[in-house]
């Protein structure tokens, strides 16, 4: 369940962040900021659904999924081919997220 929440949160965050990018860097209509802000609010709400006792742990683990989503965005939406450093960094971050999510905890 937490992975699905993180994937949905990544999509919402990317949508909101790209809306700001599109307005400020691509000259799109400032009206695009309204759905972008809504998307960012949905992102924040979704992260509250992550199974974690601590916000910091939930956000830290989410970081790996977020980086994966941006690499996919780069490749699919912007036609930028990820290089070996993009992929290596992404894998390192995903391993870190896995340790944070599923590492054994003591009470």
N, C-alpha and C. Protein backbone atom coordinates (compact mmCIF):
# COMPACT_ATOMS: atom_id res chain seq x y z
N UNK A 1 0.83 -1.20 0.00
CA UNK A 1 0.00 0.00 0.00
C UNK A 1 0.86 1.26 0.00
N UNK A 2 1.92 1.26 0.81
CA UNK A 2 2.77 2.45 0.89
C UNK A 2 3.42 2.76 -0.45
N UNK A 3 3.84 1.74 -1.17
CA UNK A 3 4.46 1.97 -2.49
C UNK A 3 3.45 2.63 -3.42
N UNK A 4 2.19 2.19 -3.40
CA UNK A 4 1.17 2.81 -4.26
C UNK A 4 0.94 4.26 -3.87
N UNK A 5 0.94 4.54 -2.57
CA UNK A 5 0.81 5.92 -2.10
C UNK A 5 1.98 6.75 -2.62
N UNK A 6 3.18 6.20 -2.54
CA UNK A 6 4.36 6.93 -3.01
C UNK A 6 4.32 7.18 -4.51
N UNK A 7 3.85 6.22 -5.27
CA UNK A 7 3.75 6.40 -6.72
C UNK A 7 2.73 7.50 -7.04
N UNK A 8 1.57 7.45 -6.40
CA UNK A 8 0.56 8.49 -6.62
C UNK A 8 1.08 9.86 -6.18
N UNK A 9 1.79 9.90 -5.05
CA UNK A 9 2.35 11.16 -4.57
C UNK A 9 3.38 11.70 -5.56
N UNK A 10 4.19 10.83 -6.11
CA UNK A 10 5.21 11.27 -7.08
C UNK A 10 4.54 11.88 -8.31
N UNK A 11 3.49 11.25 -8.80
CA UNK A 11 2.78 11.80 -9.96
C UNK A 11 2.18 13.16 -9.64
N UNK A 12 1.60 13.28 -8.45
CA UNK A 12 1.01 14.57 -8.05
C UNK A 12 2.09 15.64 -7.89
N UNK A 13 3.20 15.28 -7.27
CA UNK A 13 4.26 16.27 -7.08
C UNK A 13 4.88 16.69 -8.40
N UNK A 14 5.12 15.74 -9.27
CA UNK A 14 5.70 16.07 -10.57
C UNK A 14 4.75 16.97 -11.36
N UNK A 15 3.45 16.65 -11.31
CA UNK A 15 2.48 17.50 -12.00
C UNK A 15 2.51 18.94 -11.49
N UNK A 16 2.56 19.10 -10.18
CA UNK A 16 2.61 20.44 -9.60
C UNK A 16 3.91 21.16 -9.90
N UNK A 17 5.01 20.47 -9.75
CA UNK A 17 6.31 21.09 -10.01
C UNK A 17 6.48 21.43 -11.49
N UNK A 18 6.01 20.55 -12.37
CA UNK A 18 6.14 20.85 -13.79
C UNK A 18 5.26 22.02 -14.20
N UNK A 19 4.13 22.19 -13.54
CA UNK A 19 3.28 23.36 -13.83
C UNK A 19 4.05 24.65 -13.56
N UNK A 20 4.76 24.71 -12.44
CA UNK A 20 5.56 25.89 -12.13
C UNK A 20 6.68 26.06 -13.16
N UNK A 21 7.34 24.97 -13.50
CA UNK A 21 8.40 25.01 -14.52
C UNK A 21 7.85 25.54 -15.84
N UNK A 22 6.68 25.02 -16.22
CA UNK A 22 6.08 25.41 -17.50
C UNK A 22 5.76 26.90 -17.53
N UNK A 23 5.29 27.44 -16.42
CA UNK A 23 4.97 28.87 -16.37
C UNK A 23 6.24 29.71 -16.38
N UNK A 24 7.19 29.37 -15.52
CA UNK A 24 8.38 30.21 -15.36
C UNK A 24 9.44 30.00 -16.42
N UNK A 25 9.56 28.80 -16.95
CA UNK A 25 10.63 28.52 -17.91
C UNK A 25 10.16 28.37 -19.35
N UNK A 26 8.90 27.97 -19.52
CA UNK A 26 8.40 27.74 -20.87
C UNK A 26 7.39 28.79 -21.32
N UNK A 27 7.11 29.76 -20.44
CA UNK A 27 6.22 30.85 -20.81
C UNK A 27 4.75 30.48 -20.93
N UNK A 28 4.33 29.42 -20.28
CA UNK A 28 2.92 29.03 -20.33
C UNK A 28 2.08 29.97 -19.47
N UNK A 29 0.78 29.88 -19.63
CA UNK A 29 -0.16 30.74 -18.92
C UNK A 29 -0.03 30.58 -17.40
N UNK A 30 -0.06 31.69 -16.67
CA UNK A 30 -0.03 31.60 -15.21
C UNK A 30 -1.22 30.84 -14.62
N UNK A 31 -2.28 30.69 -15.39
CA UNK A 31 -3.43 29.92 -14.93
C UNK A 31 -3.06 28.45 -14.70
N UNK A 32 -1.99 28.01 -15.31
CA UNK A 32 -1.53 26.64 -15.11
C UNK A 32 -1.09 26.41 -13.66
N UNK A 33 -0.81 27.49 -12.95
CA UNK A 33 -0.39 27.35 -11.55
C UNK A 33 -1.53 26.85 -10.66
N UNK A 34 -2.77 27.14 -11.02
CA UNK A 34 -3.89 26.69 -10.18
C UNK A 34 -3.98 25.17 -10.10
N UNK A 35 -4.03 24.46 -11.22
CA UNK A 35 -4.01 22.99 -11.08
C UNK A 35 -2.69 22.49 -10.51
N UNK A 36 -1.61 23.22 -10.75
CA UNK A 36 -0.33 22.83 -10.18
C UNK A 36 -0.34 22.88 -8.66
N UNK A 37 -0.92 23.94 -8.12
CA UNK A 37 -1.02 24.05 -6.66
C UNK A 37 -1.94 22.99 -6.08
N UNK A 38 -3.03 22.71 -6.77
CA UNK A 38 -3.92 21.64 -6.32
C UNK A 38 -3.18 20.31 -6.33
N UNK A 39 -2.41 20.08 -7.36
CA UNK A 39 -1.63 18.85 -7.46
C UNK A 39 -0.64 18.72 -6.31
N UNK A 40 -0.01 19.82 -5.95
CA UNK A 40 0.94 19.79 -4.83
C UNK A 40 0.24 19.56 -3.50
N UNK A 41 -0.97 20.09 -3.34
CA UNK A 41 -1.75 19.84 -2.12
C UNK A 41 -2.13 18.36 -2.04
N UNK A 42 -2.50 17.78 -3.16
CA UNK A 42 -2.83 16.34 -3.20
C UNK A 42 -1.60 15.52 -2.85
N UNK A 43 -0.44 15.93 -3.37
CA UNK A 43 0.82 15.25 -3.03
C UNK A 43 1.03 15.23 -1.52
N UNK A 44 0.89 16.38 -0.88
CA UNK A 44 1.12 16.45 0.56
C UNK A 44 0.12 15.57 1.31
N UNK A 45 -1.13 15.58 0.89
CA UNK A 45 -2.15 14.75 1.53
C UNK A 45 -1.82 13.27 1.36
N UNK A 46 -1.42 12.89 0.16
CA UNK A 46 -1.09 11.48 -0.09
C UNK A 46 0.01 10.98 0.83
N UNK A 47 1.01 11.81 1.07
CA UNK A 47 2.11 11.34 1.93
C UNK A 47 1.66 11.11 3.36
N UNK A 48 0.55 11.74 3.77
CA UNK A 48 0.04 11.44 5.11
C UNK A 48 -0.54 10.04 5.19
N UNK A 49 -0.81 9.42 4.05
CA UNK A 49 -1.36 8.06 4.01
C UNK A 49 -0.28 6.98 4.07
N UNK A 50 0.98 7.37 3.94
CA UNK A 50 2.09 6.40 3.99
C UNK A 50 2.16 5.77 5.37
N UNK A 51 2.39 4.48 5.40
CA UNK A 51 2.49 3.76 6.67
C UNK A 51 3.83 4.04 7.33
N UNK A 52 3.84 5.01 8.22
CA UNK A 52 5.06 5.37 8.95
C UNK A 52 4.66 6.08 10.22
N UNK A 53 5.41 5.83 11.27
CA UNK A 53 5.14 6.52 12.53
C UNK A 53 5.70 7.93 12.54
N UNK A 54 6.59 8.23 11.60
CA UNK A 54 7.27 9.52 11.59
C UNK A 54 7.22 10.14 10.20
N UNK A 55 6.90 11.41 10.14
CA UNK A 55 6.84 12.11 8.86
C UNK A 55 8.21 12.10 8.18
N UNK A 56 9.26 12.31 8.93
CA UNK A 56 10.60 12.34 8.36
C UNK A 56 10.96 11.05 7.66
N UNK A 57 10.58 9.92 8.25
CA UNK A 57 10.87 8.62 7.65
C UNK A 57 10.03 8.42 6.38
N UNK A 58 8.78 8.83 6.43
CA UNK A 58 7.91 8.70 5.26
C UNK A 58 8.45 9.52 4.10
N UNK A 59 8.86 10.75 4.36
CA UNK A 59 9.38 11.62 3.31
C UNK A 59 10.73 11.13 2.79
N UNK A 60 11.56 10.65 3.68
CA UNK A 60 12.88 10.16 3.26
C UNK A 60 12.74 8.94 2.35
N UNK A 61 11.89 8.01 2.72
CA UNK A 61 11.69 6.82 1.88
C UNK A 61 11.04 7.19 0.56
N UNK A 62 10.15 8.16 0.57
CA UNK A 62 9.50 8.62 -0.65
C UNK A 62 10.51 9.17 -1.65
N UNK A 63 11.60 9.72 -1.17
CA UNK A 63 12.60 10.32 -2.05
C UNK A 63 13.08 9.40 -3.16
N UNK A 64 13.26 8.13 -2.87
CA UNK A 64 13.71 7.18 -3.89
C UNK A 64 12.69 7.01 -5.00
N UNK A 65 11.42 6.93 -4.62
CA UNK A 65 10.35 6.79 -5.61
C UNK A 65 10.24 8.06 -6.44
N UNK A 66 10.40 9.20 -5.80
CA UNK A 66 10.35 10.48 -6.49
C UNK A 66 11.45 10.57 -7.55
N UNK A 67 12.64 10.16 -7.22
CA UNK A 67 13.75 10.20 -8.17
C UNK A 67 13.49 9.25 -9.34
N UNK A 68 13.00 8.06 -9.06
CA UNK A 68 12.62 7.13 -10.12
C UNK A 68 11.59 7.77 -11.05
N UNK A 69 10.58 8.40 -10.48
CA UNK A 69 9.53 9.03 -11.29
C UNK A 69 10.10 10.14 -12.17
N UNK A 70 11.03 10.93 -11.65
CA UNK A 70 11.61 12.00 -12.46
C UNK A 70 12.49 11.46 -13.57
N UNK A 71 13.19 10.38 -13.31
CA UNK A 71 13.99 9.77 -14.38
C UNK A 71 13.07 9.28 -15.49
N UNK A 72 11.94 8.66 -15.11
CA UNK A 72 10.97 8.22 -16.11
C UNK A 72 10.37 9.41 -16.86
N UNK A 73 10.10 10.50 -16.14
CA UNK A 73 9.58 11.72 -16.78
C UNK A 73 10.59 12.25 -17.81
N UNK A 74 11.84 12.32 -17.40
CA UNK A 74 12.90 12.78 -18.30
C UNK A 74 12.90 11.96 -19.58
N UNK A 75 12.80 10.65 -19.43
CA UNK A 75 12.89 9.74 -20.56
C UNK A 75 11.64 9.78 -21.43
N UNK A 76 10.46 9.67 -20.81
CA UNK A 76 9.22 9.53 -21.56
C UNK A 76 8.66 10.88 -22.03
N UNK A 77 8.59 11.84 -21.13
CA UNK A 77 7.92 13.10 -21.44
C UNK A 77 8.83 14.13 -22.10
N UNK A 78 10.12 14.10 -21.74
CA UNK A 78 11.03 15.11 -22.29
C UNK A 78 12.00 14.53 -23.33
N UNK A 79 11.86 13.27 -23.61
CA UNK A 79 12.71 12.59 -24.59
C UNK A 79 14.20 12.72 -24.29
N UNK A 80 14.52 12.88 -23.01
CA UNK A 80 15.92 12.91 -22.60
C UNK A 80 16.33 11.51 -22.16
N UNK A 81 17.40 11.04 -22.69
CA UNK A 81 17.83 9.69 -22.35
C UNK A 81 18.65 9.71 -21.07
N UNK A 82 18.21 8.99 -20.03
CA UNK A 82 18.99 8.93 -18.79
C UNK A 82 20.36 8.29 -19.07
N UNK A 83 21.42 8.87 -18.51
CA UNK A 83 22.74 8.28 -18.70
C UNK A 83 23.05 7.34 -17.53
N UNK A 84 24.21 6.76 -17.57
CA UNK A 84 24.56 5.77 -16.54
C UNK A 84 24.60 6.39 -15.15
N UNK A 85 24.93 7.67 -15.06
CA UNK A 85 24.98 8.33 -13.76
C UNK A 85 23.58 8.58 -13.22
N UNK A 86 22.66 8.92 -14.10
CA UNK A 86 21.26 9.04 -13.69
C UNK A 86 20.77 7.71 -13.13
N UNK A 87 21.04 6.64 -13.86
CA UNK A 87 20.56 5.32 -13.45
C UNK A 87 21.25 4.82 -12.18
N UNK A 88 22.55 5.06 -12.08
CA UNK A 88 23.27 4.65 -10.86
C UNK A 88 22.75 5.41 -9.65
N UNK A 89 22.58 6.70 -9.79
CA UNK A 89 22.05 7.51 -8.69
C UNK A 89 20.66 7.07 -8.29
N UNK A 90 19.82 6.78 -9.29
CA UNK A 90 18.47 6.33 -9.01
C UNK A 90 18.48 5.01 -8.24
N UNK A 91 19.33 4.07 -8.67
CA UNK A 91 19.40 2.79 -7.98
C UNK A 91 19.89 2.93 -6.54
N UNK A 92 20.86 3.79 -6.34
CA UNK A 92 21.35 4.04 -4.98
C UNK A 92 20.22 4.60 -4.11
N UNK A 93 19.47 5.54 -4.66
CA UNK A 93 18.37 6.14 -3.90
C UNK A 93 17.27 5.13 -3.62
N UNK A 94 16.96 4.28 -4.59
CA UNK A 94 15.94 3.25 -4.36
C UNK A 94 16.39 2.25 -3.29
N UNK A 95 17.66 1.91 -3.29
CA UNK A 95 18.16 1.02 -2.24
C UNK A 95 18.06 1.70 -0.87
N UNK A 96 18.37 2.98 -0.82
CA UNK A 96 18.23 3.71 0.43
C UNK A 96 16.79 3.77 0.90
N UNK A 97 15.87 4.01 -0.03
CA UNK A 97 14.45 4.04 0.32
C UNK A 97 14.00 2.69 0.84
N UNK A 98 14.48 1.59 0.22
CA UNK A 98 14.11 0.25 0.68
C UNK A 98 14.61 -0.01 2.10
N UNK A 99 15.82 0.43 2.39
CA UNK A 99 16.36 0.25 3.74
C UNK A 99 15.51 1.03 4.75
N UNK A 100 15.16 2.26 4.39
CA UNK A 100 14.34 3.07 5.29
C UNK A 100 12.96 2.44 5.49
N UNK A 101 12.36 1.96 4.41
CA UNK A 101 11.00 1.38 4.51
C UNK A 101 10.96 0.04 5.22
N UNK A 102 11.88 -0.83 4.87
CA UNK A 102 11.77 -2.21 5.31
C UNK A 102 12.87 -2.67 6.26
N UNK A 103 13.72 -1.76 6.69
CA UNK A 103 14.76 -2.13 7.64
C UNK A 103 14.12 -2.55 8.97
N UNK A 104 14.74 -3.51 9.64
CA UNK A 104 14.16 -3.97 10.91
C UNK A 104 14.19 -2.85 11.95
N UNK A 105 13.11 -2.71 12.65
CA UNK A 105 12.97 -1.67 13.68
C UNK A 105 12.88 -2.33 15.04
N UNK A 106 13.47 -1.71 16.01
CA UNK A 106 13.32 -2.16 17.40
C UNK A 106 12.44 -1.13 18.10
N UNK A 107 11.68 -1.60 19.03
CA UNK A 107 10.72 -0.73 19.74
C UNK A 107 11.37 0.28 20.60
